[in-house]
Amino acid sequence: MERVDIGKPILDRNERLAAENREAFARAGVFVLDLMASPGAGKTSTILATVAALRDRYRIAVIEGDIASKVDSEKVKAHGIPAVQINTGGACHLESEMIRRAAEALPLDELDLIIVENVGNLVCPTEFDLGEDAKVMILSVPEGHDKPYKYPNIFQISEAVVLNKYDTMGVFDFDEEEFRSVVRSLNPAAPVFAISATKGDGVEAWAEWLADRIESARSRAAAQG
């Protein structure tokens, strides 16, 4: 029996549009970060803490992805940061077409950094290139140290791992040494930043890593003319 892979055309189209997004962002000189995490990991609070750390150096906007509601984008706008809400209508991830349409609502030439908050999910977002410069994942301490065993792909494709809600470490049975060891085995190049986003603890090191990535991208673009 002949089998038809309906997923391949979808992914092929997504890859083509992601490449177009990447070219458009590069022309505008905008660095795009795709933040992935499960629901409740603290994506929005991490975004707000990152904005607070970098807003004096970079012009920042946020694209919020959710299945429904605009609660998170309203939180970001309340801090004076441009934000565009994408409601996926049930889809468990963002796709490059959604990002293209959201970016059209932003003044790209007036931005240095766009932070994309992907839909809360540790599986689906890993399959879709959005045209971003870097994918980073957030895990919160209450989720447990065993997540790298259960969801290895998201740890493997992320350039860095943010360990949020670090201030709750004493309340939960979280084996930090084992967690870091498993992450290293999956992705030796990915640094792990322990932060408490709502308190600002540890955010400086994470923000400096991101700033270094932005400056490296600018240097490569300048070298290529």
Foldseek 3Di string as FASTA:
>chain_A
DDDDDPVVVVQVVLVVLLQVLLVVLVVLQAAEEEEAAAPPLCPLLLVVLLCVQCVVPWQEAEEEEELDDDVSQVVVVVVVHHYHYDHPVPDQWDTQVSVVVRVVVPPSNRGHYYYYYIYRDLPVHLSHRNNHPFYEYEGEVVVELCVCVVRVSSLQRHQEYEYEPLVCNVVDPHDVVVSVVSSCVRHVRYYYFYYHSNVSRRSNVVSVVVVVSSVVSVVVSVVVD
